[in-house]
Amino acid sequence: MSNLALIAEVREIYRQGGNVIEFLKTQTHGENQTESIMISYDLQSGSYTKLAEKNAKYLDEYTDAVRAVLSTLPAFESIMEIGVGEATMMNPLMSKLDSHNRILKLGFDISWSRTRYALQNSQESENSINLFVADLFEIPLPDNSIDIVYTSHSLEPNGGKEKQALKELYRVARKFILLLEPDFQRASTEGKERMIRHGYVRDLATHAQELDFDVIEDRPFDVFINPLNPTGLTLIRKRTVEDLSIPNFVCPITKTPLVKTENVYFSETSGLIYPVIDQIPCLLTSSATLGTHFSCFNS
């Protein structure tokens, strides 16, 4: 049964200050399932924008440190944040990194509500970011299509799926993958126990090396806000690829091209249709509707 069937109960748990993820884990035999993560994040939408306002100094220091890392990399023309949330990190970072909007910028999240806040925040910051809803395990983009792919504690709740996540990021990346994720290796005993309890990712550099990825840096990241959840930096260089792709949307199921028609994206090859809701393309597998005759009525 889908956890969405429990949404009324879950909303009440959240309203009373309960831990939504912990409750949903009791329904899924202890795993942080993708749907559970989506529900938890969607209910929290709006809180990250308020939190960013309260922690402006920390956010400024954090984005300065990320910009310093990105500035050491060769010139790039496109960048994407995985799990962009409400773009509370991406907006100040891009304002510092690309104030003239010359770089193609993309960001996605599994939560529609968080992505809609991200759109509002990016418009207020005058950043041009292509935002969409997607699953990090089924990114609706072609292979080798984005120069820089980065995360900021967005792989975090996917413990046990490290290799699966890394493979998908590596697939769409063209040059580099920058991971800013929980530093399990260097965390305190209490911090490690907390990460295990919450099902956080760990040992990303080790997993990447086991996949034969070129890990060129693995170290503590100097700026973090929670001593029980310190940030580690892992930088992966994509080995030279000859077949480069334009970062146009593809069907997350079939990887066939999507074409926008009014308020939907359609794959002629698969016949699958994805909605655009209030300016946000919804490119989750669960959003797909089969309409093999769509083109008969829409050209």
Protein backbone atom coordinates (compact mmCIF):
# COMPACT_ATOMS: atom_id res chain seq x y z
CA MET A 1 0.00 0.00 0.00
CA SER A 2 1.25 3.47 -0.83
CA ASN A 3 2.10 5.68 2.14
CA LEU A 4 0.05 8.38 0.42
CA ALA A 5 -3.01 6.50 1.70
CA LEU A 6 -1.88 7.55 5.18
CA ILE A 7 -1.42 11.21 4.29
CA ALA A 8 -4.19 12.52 6.60
CA GLU A 9 -2.66 10.67 9.55
CA VAL A 10 0.84 11.76 8.57
CA ARG A 11 -0.18 15.42 8.32
CA GLU A 12 -1.60 15.24 11.86
CA ILE A 13 1.63 13.68 13.14
CA TYR A 14 3.60 16.51 11.50
CA ARG A 15 1.21 19.15 12.90
CA GLN A 16 1.84 17.81 16.41
CA GLY A 17 5.62 17.96 15.92
CA GLY A 18 6.15 14.24 15.39
CA ASN A 19 8.86 12.68 13.24
CA VAL A 20 7.21 11.80 9.93
CA ILE A 21 10.12 9.74 8.60
CA GLU A 22 10.28 7.65 11.78
CA PHE A 23 6.54 6.97 11.60
CA LEU A 24 6.69 6.00 7.93
CA LYS A 25 9.66 3.71 8.60
CA THR A 26 7.38 1.67 10.84
CA GLN A 27 5.18 1.15 7.77
CA THR A 28 8.10 0.13 5.52
CA HIS A 29 10.05 -2.27 7.75
CA GLY A 30 12.64 0.31 8.79
CA GLU A 31 13.63 1.65 5.37
CA ASN A 32 13.70 5.27 4.21
CA GLN A 33 11.71 4.71 1.03
CA THR A 34 11.64 7.35 -1.70
CA GLU A 35 7.93 7.99 -1.21
CA SER A 36 8.41 8.44 2.54
CA ILE A 37 11.18 10.99 1.91
CA MET A 38 8.93 12.85 -0.54
CA ILE A 39 6.07 13.02 1.98
CA SER A 40 8.31 14.23 4.79
CA TYR A 41 9.99 16.91 2.67
CA ASP A 42 6.73 18.13 1.15
CA LEU A 43 5.14 18.62 4.56
CA GLN A 44 8.18 20.63 5.69
CA SER A 45 8.01 22.95 2.67
CA GLY A 46 8.37 26.61 3.53
CA SER A 47 10.29 25.90 6.72
CA TYR A 48 13.64 25.87 4.89
CA THR A 49 13.07 29.37 3.54
CA LYS A 50 12.36 30.63 7.06
CA LEU A 51 15.37 28.73 8.41
CA ALA A 52 17.61 30.30 5.76
CA GLU A 53 16.51 33.76 6.85
CA LYS A 54 17.41 32.95 10.46
CA ASN A 55 20.79 31.49 9.50
CA ALA A 56 21.88 34.03 6.90
CA LYS A 57 25.43 34.33 8.25
CA TYR A 58 26.00 30.58 8.19
CA LEU A 59 24.50 30.31 4.69
CA ASP A 60 26.78 33.08 3.46
CA GLU A 61 29.85 31.28 4.84
CA TYR A 62 28.69 27.94 3.47
CA THR A 63 28.07 29.23 -0.05
CA ASP A 64 31.38 31.13 0.00
CA ALA A 65 33.13 27.84 0.76
CA VAL A 66 31.25 25.99 -2.00
CA ARG A 67 31.99 28.75 -4.50
CA ALA A 68 35.69 28.51 -3.60
CA VAL A 69 35.66 24.81 -4.51
CA LEU A 70 33.76 25.33 -7.76
CA SER A 71 36.09 28.18 -8.73
CA THR A 72 39.05 25.77 -8.78
CA LEU A 73 37.42 23.64 -11.48
CA PRO A 74 37.90 24.17 -15.23
CA ALA A 75 35.39 26.45 -16.96
CA PHE A 76 31.89 25.00 -17.14
CA GLU A 77 28.71 25.99 -18.95
CA SER A 78 26.08 24.07 -16.97
CA ILE A 79 25.49 23.12 -13.34
CA MET A 80 22.73 21.26 -11.48
CA GLU A 81 21.84 20.82 -7.82
CA ILE A 82 20.41 17.43 -6.92
CA GLY A 83 17.70 17.84 -4.28
CA VAL A 84 17.50 21.61 -4.63
CA GLY A 85 14.88 21.93 -1.90
CA GLU A 86 13.69 25.53 -1.75
CA ALA A 87 16.90 26.70 -3.47
CA THR A 88 17.99 28.33 -0.22
CA MET A 89 21.55 27.24 -0.96
CA MET A 90 21.51 27.39 -4.74
CA ASN A 91 20.23 30.95 -4.99
CA PRO A 92 22.95 32.68 -2.94
CA LEU A 93 25.57 30.37 -4.46
CA MET A 94 24.54 31.19 -8.03
CA SER A 95 24.31 34.92 -7.24
CA LYS A 96 27.97 34.73 -6.24
CA LEU A 97 29.08 32.35 -8.96
CA ASP A 98 27.04 33.58 -11.95
CA SER A 99 25.56 37.01 -11.29
CA HIS A 100 24.95 37.60 -15.03
CA ASN A 101 23.08 34.32 -15.58
CA ARG A 102 25.49 33.06 -18.23
CA ILE A 103 25.65 29.48 -16.93
CA LEU A 104 22.82 27.05 -17.61
CA LYS A 105 21.45 26.24 -14.16
CA LEU A 106 19.15 23.37 -13.23
CA GLY A 107 17.76 22.09 -9.97
CA PHE A 108 15.25 19.46 -8.99
CA ASP A 109 13.62 18.00 -5.93
CA ILE A 110 11.29 15.10 -5.27
CA SER A 111 8.81 17.44 -3.56
CA TRP A 112 6.59 19.67 -5.72
CA SER A 113 5.93 22.08 -2.85
CA ARG A 114 9.64 22.57 -2.14
CA THR A 115 10.32 23.07 -5.83
CA ARG A 116 7.58 25.69 -6.05
CA TYR A 117 9.17 27.57 -3.15
CA ALA A 118 12.47 27.26 -5.01
CA LEU A 119 10.91 28.91 -8.06
CA GLN A 120 9.54 31.77 -5.96
CA ASN A 121 12.88 32.26 -4.21
CA SER A 122 14.87 32.16 -7.46
CA GLN A 123 12.59 34.74 -9.05
CA GLU A 124 13.04 37.02 -6.03
CA SER A 125 16.82 36.53 -6.28
CA GLU A 126 16.72 37.17 -10.05
CA ASN A 127 18.36 33.83 -10.75
CA SER A 128 17.38 31.94 -13.87
CA ILE A 129 17.16 28.30 -12.71
CA ASN A 130 15.39 25.53 -14.61
CA LEU A 131 13.47 23.79 -11.83
CA PHE A 132 11.58 20.51 -12.01
CA VAL A 133 10.33 17.63 -9.89
CA ALA A 134 12.27 14.38 -10.23
CA ASP A 135 13.69 11.37 -8.42
CA LEU A 136 17.49 11.37 -8.00
CA PHE A 137 17.46 7.67 -8.95
CA GLU A 138 15.67 8.42 -12.24
CA ILE A 139 16.96 11.79 -13.42
CA PRO A 140 15.05 12.87 -16.57
CA LEU A 141 18.14 14.02 -18.46
CA PRO A 142 20.39 12.35 -21.06
CA ASP A 143 23.79 10.81 -20.34
CA ASN A 144 26.76 13.22 -20.13
CA SER A 145 24.58 16.33 -20.28
CA ILE A 146 25.51 18.54 -17.26
CA ASP A 147 29.06 19.80 -16.67
CA ILE A 148 28.85 20.01 -12.87
CA VAL A 149 26.44 17.99 -10.74
CA TYR A 150 26.45 18.71 -7.00
CA THR A 151 24.57 17.82 -3.84
CA SER A 152 24.20 19.44 -0.43
CA HIS A 153 22.91 16.91 2.12
CA SER A 154 20.34 15.69 -0.42
CA LEU A 155 21.66 12.14 -0.75
CA GLU A 156 21.58 12.14 3.05
CA PRO A 157 18.46 10.03 3.82
CA ASN A 158 19.28 7.32 1.26
CA GLY A 159 21.53 5.09 3.32
CA GLY A 160 22.06 1.69 1.71
CA LYS A 161 21.49 3.11 -1.78
CA GLU A 162 24.84 4.90 -2.11
CA LYS A 163 26.04 3.09 -5.22
CA GLN A 164 22.68 3.39 -6.94
CA ALA A 165 22.66 7.15 -6.37
CA LEU A 166 26.28 7.60 -7.43
CA LYS A 167 25.72 5.69 -10.68
CA GLU A 168 22.82 7.94 -11.65
CA LEU A 169 24.70 11.15 -10.85
CA TYR A 170 27.69 9.86 -12.80
CA ARG A 171 25.46 9.04 -15.77
CA VAL A 172 24.19 12.60 -16.26
CA ALA A 173 27.44 14.38 -15.28
CA ARG A 174 29.82 15.50 -17.99
CA LYS A 175 32.85 16.75 -16.01
CA PHE A 176 32.58 16.68 -12.20
CA ILE A 177 30.39 15.54 -9.31
CA LEU A 178 30.68 17.48 -6.04
CA LEU A 179 29.16 15.80 -3.00
CA LEU A 180 28.60 17.70 0.26
CA GLU A 181 27.09 15.00 2.44
CA PRO A 182 27.22 13.65 6.02
CA ASP A 183 30.80 12.83 7.04
CA PHE A 184 30.20 9.53 8.81
CA GLN A 185 33.87 8.59 8.86
CA ARG A 186 34.92 11.65 10.85
CA ALA A 187 31.77 12.14 12.94
CA SER A 188 31.75 11.67 16.70
CA THR A 189 30.41 8.45 18.21
CA GLU A 190 27.16 10.23 19.01
CA GLY A 191 27.04 11.62 15.49
CA LYS A 192 27.58 8.19 13.94
CA GLU A 193 24.85 6.68 16.10
CA ARG A 194 22.49 9.45 14.98
CA MET A 195 23.34 8.91 11.29
CA ILE A 196 22.75 5.17 11.62
CA ARG A 197 19.45 5.76 13.40
CA HIS A 198 18.24 8.12 10.65
CA GLY A 199 19.47 5.92 7.80
CA TYR A 200 21.98 8.40 6.37
CA VAL A 201 24.40 7.67 3.53
CA ARG A 202 28.00 6.94 4.46
CA ASP A 203 31.42 6.24 2.94
CA LEU A 204 30.58 7.84 -0.39
CA ALA A 205 34.21 8.09 -1.49
CA THR A 206 34.71 4.37 -0.81
CA HIS A 207 31.59 3.48 -2.77
CA ALA A 208 32.72 5.69 -5.66
CA GLN A 209 36.14 4.07 -5.73
CA GLU A 210 34.55 0.63 -5.72
CA LEU A 211 32.62 1.76 -8.81
CA ASP A 212 35.98 2.71 -10.37
CA PHE A 213 35.14 6.43 -10.33
CA ASP A 214 38.00 8.92 -10.23
CA VAL A 215 37.80 10.40 -6.71
CA ILE A 216 40.19 13.34 -6.71
CA GLU A 217 39.32 14.76 -3.29
CA ASP A 218 37.80 13.44 -0.07
CA ARG A 219 38.02 15.60 3.05
CA PRO A 220 36.07 17.33 5.80
CA PHE A 221 34.18 20.44 4.69
CA ASP A 222 35.00 23.28 7.01
CA VAL A 223 31.54 24.83 7.26
CA PHE A 224 28.61 23.00 8.85
CA ILE A 225 25.86 23.93 11.27
CA ASN A 226 25.19 20.72 13.23
CA PRO A 227 28.16 19.14 15.06
CA LEU A 228 26.29 15.83 15.07
CA ASN A 229 26.02 15.98 11.28
CA PRO A 230 29.33 17.34 9.95
CA THR A 231 29.73 17.77 6.22
CA GLY A 232 32.25 15.89 4.14
CA LEU A 233 33.40 16.86 0.64
CA THR A 234 33.88 14.28 -2.10
CA LEU A 235 34.90 15.43 -5.57
CA ILE A 236 34.67 13.01 -8.49
CA ARG A 237 36.07 13.67 -11.95
CA LYS A 238 34.20 12.15 -14.87
CA ARG A 239 36.51 10.35 -17.23
CA THR A 240 36.61 11.84 -20.72
CA VAL A 241 33.45 11.16 -22.69
CA GLU A 242 33.01 11.63 -26.42
CA ASP A 243 29.22 11.41 -26.66
CA LEU A 244 27.97 14.65 -25.12
CA SER A 245 24.26 15.43 -24.89
CA ILE A 246 22.15 18.57 -24.76
CA PRO A 247 20.39 18.77 -21.35
CA ASN A 248 16.84 18.51 -22.70
CA PHE A 249 14.29 16.57 -20.67
CA VAL A 250 13.86 12.86 -21.29
CA CYS A 251 11.30 10.41 -19.98
CA PRO A 252 12.62 9.07 -16.65
CA ILE A 253 11.27 5.61 -17.51
CA THR A 254 12.36 5.13 -21.13
CA LYS A 255 14.99 7.90 -21.47
CA THR A 256 13.30 8.95 -24.74
CA PRO A 257 13.03 12.69 -25.60
CA LEU A 258 10.21 14.75 -24.12
CA VAL A 259 8.53 17.57 -26.07
CA LYS A 260 6.56 20.32 -24.32
CA THR A 261 3.02 20.94 -25.56
CA GLU A 262 1.05 23.51 -23.60
CA ASN A 263 1.09 22.24 -20.00
CA VAL A 264 2.54 18.77 -20.51
CA TYR A 265 5.69 17.01 -21.64
CA PHE A 266 5.14 14.11 -24.04
CA SER A 267 7.31 11.28 -25.30
CA GLU A 268 6.28 10.31 -28.82
CA THR A 269 8.31 7.12 -28.52
CA SER A 270 6.78 5.81 -25.30
CA GLY A 271 3.44 7.63 -25.33
CA LEU A 272 3.95 8.82 -21.76
CA ILE A 273 2.69 12.26 -20.66
CA TYR A 274 4.00 14.33 -17.73
CA PRO A 275 2.17 17.39 -16.34
CA VAL A 276 3.46 20.91 -15.72
CA ILE A 277 1.82 22.17 -12.52
CA ASP A 278 2.05 25.91 -11.83
CA GLN A 279 5.20 26.27 -13.96
CA ILE A 280 6.89 23.16 -12.47
CA PRO A 281 7.45 20.13 -14.76
CA CYS A 282 6.57 16.99 -12.78
CA LEU A 283 8.88 14.30 -14.16
CA LEU A 284 8.45 11.53 -11.63
CA THR A 285 7.65 8.02 -12.80
CA SER A 286 4.54 8.19 -10.63
CA SER A 287 3.40 11.32 -12.52
CA ALA A 288 3.30 9.58 -15.89
CA THR A 289 0.04 9.03 -17.78
CA LEU A 290 -0.08 6.77 -20.81
CA GLY A 291 -1.50 8.49 -23.88
CA THR A 292 -0.20 6.78 -27.01
CA HIS A 293 -2.64 8.78 -29.15
CA PHE A 294 -1.79 12.16 -27.59
CA SER A 295 -0.18 13.43 -30.80
CA CYS A 296 -3.42 12.78 -32.71
CA PHE A 297 -5.00 15.61 -30.78
CA ASN A 298 -1.97 17.83 -30.08
CA SER A 299 0.59 18.71 -32.72
